[in-house]
Amino acid sequence: MALDRYAYEHGITLDYSRPGKPTDNPFIESFNGSFRDECLNTHWFLTLADAKEKIESWRADYNDFRPHSSLADIPPAQFAKAFCKTPKPPIALL
């Protein structure tokens, strides 16, 4: 309700993904597939603490070490670091 109210008060139109339409958000669908195939399907989680440890290890590898083809074969953390150092052009006001 808070999100709906904020959007209404600020003239924002919320546009949700349609149920059963994974092509509405291919980025998260790609991530979900990688997470399922590379982490969830390859580990047994014995306790919540065990799950947190294994998932955090996978997340660190995914973001800090593993190259991503969509980012010129560098890890997301390295891409973000380089992106943040690049001066940004001024934002044009409409």
N, C-alpha and C. Protein backbone atom coordinates (compact mmCIF):
# COMPACT_ATOMS: atom_id res chain seq x y z
N MET A 1 0.83 -1.19 0.00
CA MET A 1 0.00 0.00 0.00
C MET A 1 0.87 1.25 0.00
N ALA A 2 1.98 1.20 0.73
CA ALA A 2 2.86 2.36 0.79
C ALA A 2 3.44 2.68 -0.59
N LEU A 3 3.82 1.62 -1.33
CA LEU A 3 4.36 1.83 -2.67
C LEU A 3 3.30 2.43 -3.59
N ASP A 4 2.08 1.91 -3.53
CA ASP A 4 1.00 2.44 -4.36
C ASP A 4 0.74 3.91 -4.04
N ARG A 5 0.73 4.23 -2.76
CA ARG A 5 0.48 5.62 -2.36
C ARG A 5 1.60 6.53 -2.85
N TYR A 6 2.85 6.12 -2.64
CA TYR A 6 3.98 6.92 -3.10
C TYR A 6 3.91 7.15 -4.61
N ALA A 7 3.64 6.07 -5.35
CA ALA A 7 3.56 6.19 -6.80
C ALA A 7 2.45 7.15 -7.21
N TYR A 8 1.31 7.04 -6.58
CA TYR A 8 0.17 7.91 -6.90
C TYR A 8 0.52 9.37 -6.61
N GLU A 9 1.11 9.62 -5.43
CA GLU A 9 1.43 10.99 -5.03
C GLU A 9 2.51 11.63 -5.90
N HIS A 10 3.34 10.80 -6.53
CA HIS A 10 4.42 11.33 -7.36
C HIS A 10 4.17 11.15 -8.86
N GLY A 11 2.96 10.76 -9.21
CA GLY A 11 2.60 10.62 -10.63
C GLY A 11 3.33 9.50 -11.34
N ILE A 12 3.65 8.43 -10.61
CA ILE A 12 4.38 7.30 -11.18
C ILE A 12 3.41 6.19 -11.52
N THR A 13 3.52 5.65 -12.71
CA THR A 13 2.71 4.52 -13.12
C THR A 13 3.50 3.25 -12.87
N LEU A 14 2.95 2.36 -12.06
CA LEU A 14 3.61 1.09 -11.79
C LEU A 14 3.27 0.12 -12.91
N ASP A 15 4.26 -0.58 -13.40
CA ASP A 15 4.08 -1.52 -14.50
C ASP A 15 4.65 -2.86 -14.07
N TYR A 16 3.79 -3.77 -13.68
CA TYR A 16 4.22 -5.07 -13.17
C TYR A 16 4.41 -6.06 -14.31
N SER A 17 5.27 -7.04 -14.08
CA SER A 17 5.42 -8.14 -15.02
C SER A 17 4.14 -8.95 -15.02
N ARG A 18 3.76 -9.41 -16.18
CA ARG A 18 2.55 -10.22 -16.29
C ARG A 18 2.84 -11.64 -15.85
N PRO A 19 1.95 -12.24 -15.08
CA PRO A 19 2.16 -13.64 -14.66
C PRO A 19 2.36 -14.55 -15.87
N GLY A 20 3.35 -15.42 -15.78
CA GLY A 20 3.59 -16.37 -16.86
C GLY A 20 4.30 -15.78 -18.07
N LYS A 21 4.83 -14.58 -17.94
CA LYS A 21 5.52 -13.92 -19.06
C LYS A 21 6.96 -13.60 -18.66
N PRO A 22 7.84 -14.59 -18.64
CA PRO A 22 9.22 -14.34 -18.21
C PRO A 22 9.97 -13.38 -19.12
N THR A 23 9.49 -13.17 -20.33
CA THR A 23 10.17 -12.24 -21.23
C THR A 23 9.96 -10.79 -20.81
N ASP A 24 9.05 -10.53 -19.85
CA ASP A 24 8.88 -9.17 -19.35
C ASP A 24 10.10 -8.70 -18.57
N ASN A 25 10.85 -9.61 -17.98
CA ASN A 25 12.03 -9.25 -17.22
C ASN A 25 13.12 -10.31 -17.43
N PRO A 26 13.76 -10.29 -18.59
CA PRO A 26 14.72 -11.35 -18.90
C PRO A 26 15.96 -11.34 -18.00
N PHE A 27 16.31 -10.18 -17.43
CA PHE A 27 17.52 -10.12 -16.60
C PHE A 27 17.36 -10.95 -15.33
N ILE A 28 16.25 -10.77 -14.63
CA ILE A 28 16.04 -11.54 -13.41
C ILE A 28 15.79 -13.00 -13.73
N GLU A 29 15.13 -13.29 -14.85
CA GLU A 29 14.91 -14.68 -15.23
C GLU A 29 16.23 -15.38 -15.51
N SER A 30 17.16 -14.68 -16.13
CA SER A 30 18.49 -15.25 -16.38
C SER A 30 19.21 -15.50 -15.06
N PHE A 31 19.14 -14.52 -14.15
CA PHE A 31 19.77 -14.70 -12.85
C PHE A 31 19.14 -15.86 -12.09
N ASN A 32 17.81 -15.93 -12.09
CA ASN A 32 17.11 -17.02 -11.39
C ASN A 32 17.56 -18.37 -11.91
N GLY A 33 17.72 -18.50 -13.21
CA GLY A 33 18.17 -19.75 -13.81
C GLY A 33 19.58 -20.10 -13.37
N SER A 34 20.47 -19.11 -13.37
CA SER A 34 21.85 -19.35 -12.92
C SER A 34 21.87 -19.74 -11.45
N PHE A 35 21.13 -19.03 -10.63
CA PHE A 35 21.10 -19.31 -9.20
C PHE A 35 20.56 -20.72 -8.93
N ARG A 36 19.52 -21.08 -9.63
CA ARG A 36 18.93 -22.42 -9.45
C ARG A 36 19.91 -23.50 -9.90
N ASP A 37 20.46 -23.35 -11.12
CA ASP A 37 21.34 -24.39 -11.68
C ASP A 37 22.67 -24.50 -10.94
N GLU A 38 23.26 -23.36 -10.56
CA GLU A 38 24.62 -23.36 -10.02
C GLU A 38 24.69 -23.41 -8.50
N CYS A 39 23.59 -23.10 -7.84
CA CYS A 39 23.63 -23.07 -6.38
C CYS A 39 22.58 -24.00 -5.76
N LEU A 40 21.32 -23.71 -6.02
CA LEU A 40 20.26 -24.48 -5.36
C LEU A 40 20.27 -25.95 -5.74
N ASN A 41 20.52 -26.25 -7.01
CA ASN A 41 20.50 -27.65 -7.46
C ASN A 41 21.78 -28.41 -7.14
N THR A 42 22.80 -27.73 -6.66
CA THR A 42 24.08 -28.41 -6.42
C THR A 42 24.42 -28.56 -4.94
N HIS A 43 23.59 -28.03 -4.06
CA HIS A 43 23.88 -28.10 -2.62
C HIS A 43 22.71 -28.70 -1.85
N TRP A 44 23.07 -29.36 -0.77
CA TRP A 44 22.09 -29.75 0.25
C TRP A 44 22.22 -28.72 1.36
N PHE A 45 21.11 -28.18 1.81
CA PHE A 45 21.13 -27.21 2.90
C PHE A 45 20.64 -27.91 4.16
N LEU A 46 21.53 -28.07 5.13
CA LEU A 46 21.20 -28.82 6.33
C LEU A 46 20.52 -27.97 7.39
N THR A 47 20.88 -26.70 7.44
CA THR A 47 20.26 -25.76 8.38
C THR A 47 20.16 -24.41 7.68
N LEU A 48 19.45 -23.49 8.30
CA LEU A 48 19.35 -22.14 7.74
C LEU A 48 20.74 -21.49 7.69
N ALA A 49 21.53 -21.68 8.72
CA ALA A 49 22.89 -21.12 8.74
C ALA A 49 23.73 -21.71 7.62
N ASP A 50 23.59 -22.99 7.37
CA ASP A 50 24.32 -23.66 6.28
C ASP A 50 23.89 -23.08 4.93
N ALA A 51 22.59 -22.87 4.77
CA ALA A 51 22.08 -22.29 3.52
C ALA A 51 22.64 -20.89 3.32
N LYS A 52 22.61 -20.09 4.37
CA LYS A 52 23.13 -18.72 4.26
C LYS A 52 24.61 -18.71 3.87
N GLU A 53 25.37 -19.60 4.46
CA GLU A 53 26.81 -19.67 4.17
C GLU A 53 27.06 -20.08 2.72
N LYS A 54 26.37 -21.11 2.25
CA LYS A 54 26.59 -21.59 0.88
C LYS A 54 26.08 -20.59 -0.15
N ILE A 55 24.95 -19.97 0.11
CA ILE A 55 24.41 -18.97 -0.82
C ILE A 55 25.30 -17.74 -0.87
N GLU A 56 25.82 -17.31 0.27
CA GLU A 56 26.72 -16.16 0.30
C GLU A 56 28.01 -16.46 -0.45
N SER A 57 28.51 -17.67 -0.32
CA SER A 57 29.71 -18.06 -1.06
C SER A 57 29.45 -18.02 -2.56
N TRP A 58 28.30 -18.52 -2.98
CA TRP A 58 27.95 -18.49 -4.40
C TRP A 58 27.80 -17.04 -4.88
N ARG A 59 27.14 -16.20 -4.07
CA ARG A 59 26.92 -14.80 -4.44
C ARG A 59 28.25 -14.07 -4.60
N ALA A 60 29.18 -14.30 -3.68
CA ALA A 60 30.49 -13.66 -3.77
C ALA A 60 31.21 -14.08 -5.05
N ASP A 61 31.18 -15.36 -5.35
CA ASP A 61 31.82 -15.85 -6.57
C ASP A 61 31.15 -15.25 -7.80
N TYR A 62 29.82 -15.23 -7.82
CA TYR A 62 29.04 -14.73 -8.96
C TYR A 62 29.34 -13.25 -9.22
N ASN A 63 29.45 -12.46 -8.15
CA ASN A 63 29.64 -11.01 -8.32
C ASN A 63 31.09 -10.56 -8.37
N ASP A 64 31.97 -11.25 -7.66
CA ASP A 64 33.33 -10.75 -7.51
C ASP A 64 34.39 -11.43 -8.37
N PHE A 65 34.13 -12.66 -8.80
CA PHE A 65 35.17 -13.40 -9.50
C PHE A 65 34.77 -13.92 -10.87
N ARG A 66 33.53 -14.33 -11.04
CA ARG A 66 33.12 -14.98 -12.27
C ARG A 66 32.87 -13.96 -13.39
N PRO A 67 33.53 -14.12 -14.54
CA PRO A 67 33.28 -13.19 -15.65
C PRO A 67 31.89 -13.39 -16.24
N HIS A 68 31.29 -12.30 -16.66
CA HIS A 68 29.96 -12.33 -17.28
C HIS A 68 30.10 -11.86 -18.72
N SER A 69 29.60 -12.64 -19.64
CA SER A 69 29.75 -12.30 -21.06
C SER A 69 29.05 -10.99 -21.40
N SER A 70 27.97 -10.66 -20.70
CA SER A 70 27.25 -9.41 -20.99
C SER A 70 28.01 -8.18 -20.50
N LEU A 71 29.09 -8.40 -19.71
CA LEU A 71 29.88 -7.28 -19.19
C LEU A 71 31.31 -7.34 -19.71
N ALA A 72 31.47 -7.72 -20.95
CA ALA A 72 32.79 -7.81 -21.60
C ALA A 72 33.69 -8.80 -20.87
N ASP A 73 33.10 -9.87 -20.37
CA ASP A 73 33.83 -10.95 -19.70
C ASP A 73 34.63 -10.49 -18.48
N ILE A 74 34.04 -9.58 -17.71
CA ILE A 74 34.61 -9.22 -16.42
C ILE A 74 33.53 -9.42 -15.36
N PRO A 75 33.93 -9.60 -14.10
CA PRO A 75 32.94 -9.79 -13.02
C PRO A 75 32.15 -8.49 -12.77
N PRO A 76 30.92 -8.60 -12.30
CA PRO A 76 30.10 -7.41 -12.04
C PRO A 76 30.76 -6.41 -11.09
N ALA A 77 31.45 -6.88 -10.06
CA ALA A 77 32.09 -5.94 -9.13
C ALA A 77 33.15 -5.11 -9.83
N GLN A 78 33.91 -5.72 -10.71
CA GLN A 78 34.95 -4.99 -11.46
C GLN A 78 34.29 -4.01 -12.43
N PHE A 79 33.21 -4.43 -13.07
CA PHE A 79 32.48 -3.56 -13.99
C PHE A 79 31.93 -2.34 -13.24
N ALA A 80 31.34 -2.59 -12.06
CA ALA A 80 30.76 -1.50 -11.27
C ALA A 80 31.84 -0.51 -10.85
N LYS A 81 32.99 -1.02 -10.46
CA LYS A 81 34.10 -0.16 -10.05
C LYS A 81 34.55 0.72 -11.21
N ALA A 82 34.68 0.14 -12.38
CA ALA A 82 35.09 0.91 -13.56
C ALA A 82 34.00 1.90 -13.97
N PHE A 83 32.74 1.48 -13.85
CA PHE A 83 31.62 2.34 -14.22
C PHE A 83 31.55 3.56 -13.31
N CYS A 84 31.78 3.36 -12.01
CA CYS A 84 31.71 4.46 -11.05
C CYS A 84 32.83 5.47 -11.24
N LYS A 85 33.95 5.05 -11.82
CA LYS A 85 35.07 5.96 -12.05
C LYS A 85 34.87 6.80 -13.30
N THR A 86 33.98 6.36 -14.19
CA THR A 86 33.74 7.07 -15.44
C THR A 86 32.89 8.31 -15.16
N PRO A 87 33.34 9.49 -15.58
CA PRO A 87 32.51 10.68 -15.36
C PRO A 87 31.19 10.55 -16.10
N LYS A 88 30.16 10.95 -15.43
CA LYS A 88 28.82 10.85 -16.01
C LYS A 88 28.45 12.18 -16.68
N PRO A 89 27.82 12.13 -17.85
CA PRO A 89 27.39 13.38 -18.48
C PRO A 89 26.27 14.00 -17.66
N PRO A 90 26.11 15.32 -17.77
CA PRO A 90 25.03 15.98 -17.03
C PRO A 90 23.68 15.45 -17.47
N ILE A 91 22.75 15.39 -16.53
CA ILE A 91 21.40 14.91 -16.83
C ILE A 91 20.59 16.04 -17.41
N ALA A 92 19.99 15.79 -18.55
CA ALA A 92 19.15 16.81 -19.18
C ALA A 92 17.79 16.84 -18.49
N LEU A 93 17.35 18.01 -18.10
CA LEU A 93 16.03 18.14 -17.48
C LEU A 93 14.99 18.32 -18.55
N LEU A 94 13.88 17.64 -18.38
CA LEU A 94 12.81 17.74 -19.36
C LEU A 94 11.90 18.90 -19.04
